C-alpha atoms as a PDB file:
ATOM      1  CA  MET A   1     -15.195   3.362 -15.879  1.00  0.00           C
ATOM      2  CA  HIS A   2     -14.637   2.993 -19.596  1.00  0.00           C
ATOM      3  CA  VAL A   3     -16.293   0.029 -21.332  1.00  0.00           C
ATOM      4  CA  LEU A   4     -14.910  -1.004 -24.715  1.00  0.00           C
ATOM      5  CA  ALA A   5     -17.235  -0.714 -27.710  1.00  0.00           C
ATOM      6  CA  GLY A   6     -19.214  -3.866 -28.355  1.00  0.00           C
ATOM      7  CA  MET A   7     -19.234  -4.971 -24.717  1.00  0.00           C
ATOM      8  CA  THR A   8     -22.693  -4.878 -23.218  1.00  0.00           C
ATOM      9  CA  GLU A   9     -21.548  -5.777 -19.703  1.00  0.00           C
ATOM     10  CA  PRO A  10     -18.105  -5.841 -18.106  1.00  0.00           C
ATOM     11  CA  ALA A  11     -16.708  -9.355 -17.798  1.00  0.00           C
ATOM     12  CA  GLY A  12     -14.062 -10.750 -15.470  1.00  0.00           C
ATOM     13  CA  PHE A  13     -12.996  -7.802 -13.361  1.00  0.00           C
ATOM     14  CA  ALA A  14     -13.843  -4.123 -12.964  1.00  0.00           C
ATOM     15  CA  ALA A  15     -11.483  -1.263 -12.140  1.00  0.00           C
ATOM     16  CA  MET A  16     -12.382   2.300 -11.262  1.00  0.00           C
ATOM     17  CA  GLU A  17     -10.488   5.369 -10.072  1.00  0.00           C
ATOM     18  CA  ILE A  18     -12.176   6.825  -6.994  1.00  0.00           C
ATOM     19  CA  THR A  19     -11.545  10.054  -5.091  1.00  0.00           C
ATOM     20  CA  VAL A  20     -12.004   9.577  -1.355  1.00  0.00           C
ATOM     21  CA  PRO A  21     -12.831  12.994   0.168  1.00  0.00           C
ATOM     22  CA  ALA A  22     -10.974  14.409   3.169  1.00  0.00           C
ATOM     23  CA  TYR A  23     -12.507  13.385   6.509  1.00  0.00           C
ATOM     24  CA  PHE A  24     -14.570  10.638   4.841  1.00  0.00           C
ATOM     25  CA  ALA A  25     -15.775   8.198   7.534  1.00  0.00           C
ATOM     26  CA  GLY A  26     -15.842   5.362   5.011  1.00  0.00           C
ATOM     27  CA  PRO A  27     -17.984   2.254   5.025  1.00  0.00           C
ATOM     28  CA  ILE A  28     -18.659   0.333   8.227  1.00  0.00           C
ATOM     29  CA  PRO A  29     -16.295  -2.696   8.366  1.00  0.00           C
ATOM     30  CA  HIS A  30     -17.846  -5.436   6.269  1.00  0.00           C
ATOM     31  CA  SER A  31     -17.259  -8.450   4.037  1.00  0.00           C
ATOM     32  CA  HIS A  32     -18.534  -9.521   0.620  1.00  0.00           C
ATOM     33  CA  ASP A  33     -19.603 -13.048  -0.295  1.00  0.00           C
ATOM     34  CA  ASP A  34     -19.907 -12.601  -4.081  1.00  0.00           C
ATOM     35  CA  PHE A  35     -16.749 -10.700  -5.046  1.00  0.00           C
ATOM     36  CA  ASP A  36     -13.134  -9.980  -4.129  1.00  0.00           C
ATOM     37  CA  GLU A  37     -11.908  -6.400  -3.703  1.00  0.00           C
ATOM     38  CA  ALA A  38      -8.544  -4.657  -3.925  1.00  0.00           C
ATOM     39  CA  ILE A  39      -7.733  -0.981  -3.384  1.00  0.00           C
ATOM     40  CA  TYR A  40      -4.489   0.560  -4.680  1.00  0.00           C
ATOM     41  CA  VAL A  41      -3.631   4.010  -3.273  1.00  0.00           C
ATOM     42  CA  LEU A  42      -2.571   6.381  -6.053  1.00  0.00           C
ATOM     43  CA  ASP A  43      -2.324   9.600  -4.035  1.00  0.00           C
ATOM     44  CA  GLY A  44      -2.994  10.669  -0.432  1.00  0.00           C
ATOM     45  CA  GLN A  45      -3.475   8.543   2.678  1.00  0.00           C
ATOM     46  CA  LEU A  46      -6.164   6.139   3.875  1.00  0.00           C
ATOM     47  CA  ARG A  47      -6.709   4.323   7.136  1.00  0.00           C
ATOM     48  CA  VAL A  48      -7.260   0.687   6.195  1.00  0.00           C
ATOM     49  CA  ILE A  49      -9.242  -1.586   8.495  1.00  0.00           C
ATOM     50  CA  GLY A  50      -8.682  -5.343   8.434  1.00  0.00           C
ATOM     51  CA  ASP A  51      -7.304  -7.446  11.238  1.00  0.00           C
ATOM     52  CA  GLN A  52      -5.859  -4.154  12.492  1.00  0.00           C
ATOM     53  CA  ALA A  53      -5.952  -0.483  11.441  1.00  0.00           C
ATOM     54  CA  LEU A  54      -3.030   0.625   9.246  1.00  0.00           C
ATOM     55  CA  GLU A  55      -2.108   3.759   7.321  1.00  0.00           C
ATOM     56  CA  ALA A  56      -1.822   3.275   3.548  1.00  0.00           C
ATOM     57  CA  GLY A  57      -0.062   5.809   1.314  1.00  0.00           C
ATOM     58  CA  PRO A  58       0.774   6.002  -2.387  1.00  0.00           C
ATOM     59  CA  GLY A  59       1.792   2.630  -3.785  1.00  0.00           C
ATOM     60  CA  ALA A  60       0.082   0.639  -1.020  1.00  0.00           C
ATOM     61  CA  MET A  61      -2.465  -1.976  -2.003  1.00  0.00           C
ATOM     62  CA  PHE A  62      -4.825  -3.810   0.276  1.00  0.00           C
ATOM     63  CA  THR A  63      -6.939  -6.781  -0.670  1.00  0.00           C
ATOM     64  CA  ALA A  64     -10.160  -8.209   0.726  1.00  0.00           C
ATOM     65  CA  PRO A  65     -10.930 -11.691  -0.543  1.00  0.00           C
ATOM     66  CA  ARG A  66     -14.549 -12.860  -0.235  1.00  0.00           C
ATOM     67  CA  GLY A  67     -15.566 -13.229   3.398  1.00  0.00           C
ATOM     68  CA  HIS A  68     -12.654 -11.084   4.716  1.00  0.00           C
ATOM     69  CA  ARG A  69     -13.579  -8.204   7.074  1.00  0.00           C
ATOM     70  CA  HIS A  70     -12.344  -4.843   5.777  1.00  0.00           C
ATOM     71  CA  GLY A  71     -13.032  -1.133   5.490  1.00  0.00           C
ATOM     72  CA  PHE A  72     -11.263   2.172   5.072  1.00  0.00           C
ATOM     73  CA  SER A  73     -11.576   5.844   5.922  1.00  0.00           C
ATOM     74  CA  ASN A  74      -9.836   9.091   5.119  1.00  0.00           C
ATOM     75  CA  PRO A  75      -9.395  10.948   8.424  1.00  0.00           C
ATOM     76  CA  HIS A  76      -6.878  13.305   6.809  1.00  0.00           C
ATOM     77  CA  ASP A  77      -7.294  16.880   5.568  1.00  0.00           C
ATOM     78  CA  ALA A  78      -6.630  16.024   1.905  1.00  0.00           C
ATOM     79  CA  ALA A  79      -8.511  13.834  -0.553  1.00  0.00           C
ATOM     80  CA  ALA A  80      -7.010  10.513  -1.607  1.00  0.00           C
ATOM     81  CA  ARG A  81      -7.179   8.894  -5.049  1.00  0.00           C
ATOM     82  CA  VAL A  82      -7.417   5.133  -5.289  1.00  0.00           C
ATOM     83  CA  LEU A  83      -7.864   2.466  -7.921  1.00  0.00           C
ATOM     84  CA  GLY A  84     -10.559  -0.026  -6.926  1.00  0.00           C
ATOM     85  CA  ILE A  85     -10.451  -3.504  -8.488  1.00  0.00           C
ATOM     86  CA  TRP A  86     -13.238  -6.084  -8.129  1.00  0.00           C
ATOM     87  CA  VAL A  87     -13.699  -9.674  -9.324  1.00  0.00           C
ATOM     88  CA  PRO A  88     -16.182 -10.626 -10.743  1.00  0.00           C
ATOM     89  CA  ALA A  89     -17.384  -7.342 -12.161  1.00  0.00           C
ATOM     90  CA  ALA A  90     -21.196  -7.554 -12.253  1.00  0.00           C
ATOM     91  CA  PRO A  91     -22.049  -8.012  -8.534  1.00  0.00           C
ATOM     92  CA  ALA A  92     -19.302  -5.601  -7.469  1.00  0.00           C
ATOM     93  CA  LEU A  93     -20.438  -2.805  -9.783  1.00  0.00           C
ATOM     94  CA  ALA A  94     -24.052  -3.124  -8.613  1.00  0.00           C
ATOM     95  CA  PHE A  95     -22.852  -2.867  -4.995  1.00  0.00           C
ATOM     96  CA  MET A  96     -20.557   0.099  -5.721  1.00  0.00           C
ATOM     97  CA  GLN A  97     -23.370   2.002  -7.420  1.00  0.00           C
ATOM     98  CA  ASP A  98     -25.701   1.545  -4.444  1.00  0.00           C
ATOM     99  CA  ILE A  99     -23.101   2.197  -1.747  1.00  0.00           C
ATOM    100  CA  GLY A 100     -21.819   5.276  -3.588  1.00  0.00           C
ATOM    101  CA  ALA A 101     -25.323   6.744  -3.534  1.00  0.00           C
ATOM    102  CA  ALA A 102     -25.806   5.923   0.166  1.00  0.00           C
ATOM    103  CA  LEU A 103     -22.502   7.214   1.601  1.00  0.00           C
ATOM    104  CA  VAL A 104     -22.496  10.999   1.929  1.00  0.00           C
ATOM    105  CA  PRO A 105     -19.201  12.797   2.707  1.00  0.00           C
ATOM    106  CA  GLY A 106     -19.286  14.406   6.141  1.00  0.00           C
ATOM    107  CA  VAL A 107     -22.253  12.300   7.316  1.00  0.00           C
ATOM    108  CA  PRO A 108     -21.696   9.083   9.283  1.00  0.00           C
ATOM    109  CA  PRO A 109     -23.346   6.070   7.642  1.00  0.00           C
ATOM    110  CA  ASP A 110     -26.671   4.908   9.127  1.00  0.00           C
ATOM    111  CA  PRO A 111     -26.028   1.332  10.371  1.00  0.00           C
ATOM    112  CA  ALA A 112     -29.620   0.140   9.755  1.00  0.00           C
ATOM    113  CA  GLN A 113     -29.636   1.464   6.180  1.00  0.00           C
ATOM    114  CA  MET A 114     -26.178  -0.021   5.568  1.00  0.00           C
ATOM    115  CA  ARG A 115     -27.214  -3.484   6.858  1.00  0.00           C
ATOM    116  CA  LYS A 116     -30.140  -3.567   4.402  1.00  0.00           C
ATOM    117  CA  LEU A 117     -28.010  -2.348   1.509  1.00  0.00           C
ATOM    118  CA  TYR A 118     -25.208  -4.819   2.237  1.00  0.00           C
ATOM    119  CA  ALA A 119     -27.679  -7.718   2.617  1.00  0.00           C
ATOM    120  CA  ARG A 120     -29.116  -6.948  -0.863  1.00  0.00           C
ATOM    121  CA  HIS A 121     -25.604  -7.443  -2.249  1.00  0.00           C
ATOM    122  CA  ALA A 122     -24.559 -10.639  -0.400  1.00  0.00           C
ATOM    123  CA  SER A 123     -22.393  -8.609   1.967  1.00  0.00           C
ATOM    124  CA  ARG A 124     -22.343  -8.297   5.742  1.00  0.00           C
ATOM    125  CA  ILE A 125     -21.568  -5.573   8.295  1.00  0.00           C
ATOM    126  CA  LEU A 126     -18.847  -6.884  10.640  1.00  0.00           C
ATOM    127  CA  PRO A 127     -18.036  -4.379  13.404  1.00  0.00           C
END
């Protein structure tokens, strides 16, 4: 993420390009209480989880307003590039930093660890 000179903290919304590795299990389906999330697929394919599981390719965008159950994975043999957008920025960026450190490609997420992490960020696991 690039922050303009003179800004000490992002305001309003945050956007970040993310590479989702091939065969990435993704986060356990969840919801956030403090921020809204949108993911725009730039390249590759994702499996998006909401009310149902759908395939999302380049140009597809899925949104998860606060309280809406969602998740995604990349069960395909090629990485995907996405643009993540979050509103407001501060709570979302803190969550993304922690979840990025906890999710390891090729290793399924530990549900107990994820519940604690999500709870710290006003988010909930919703299988």
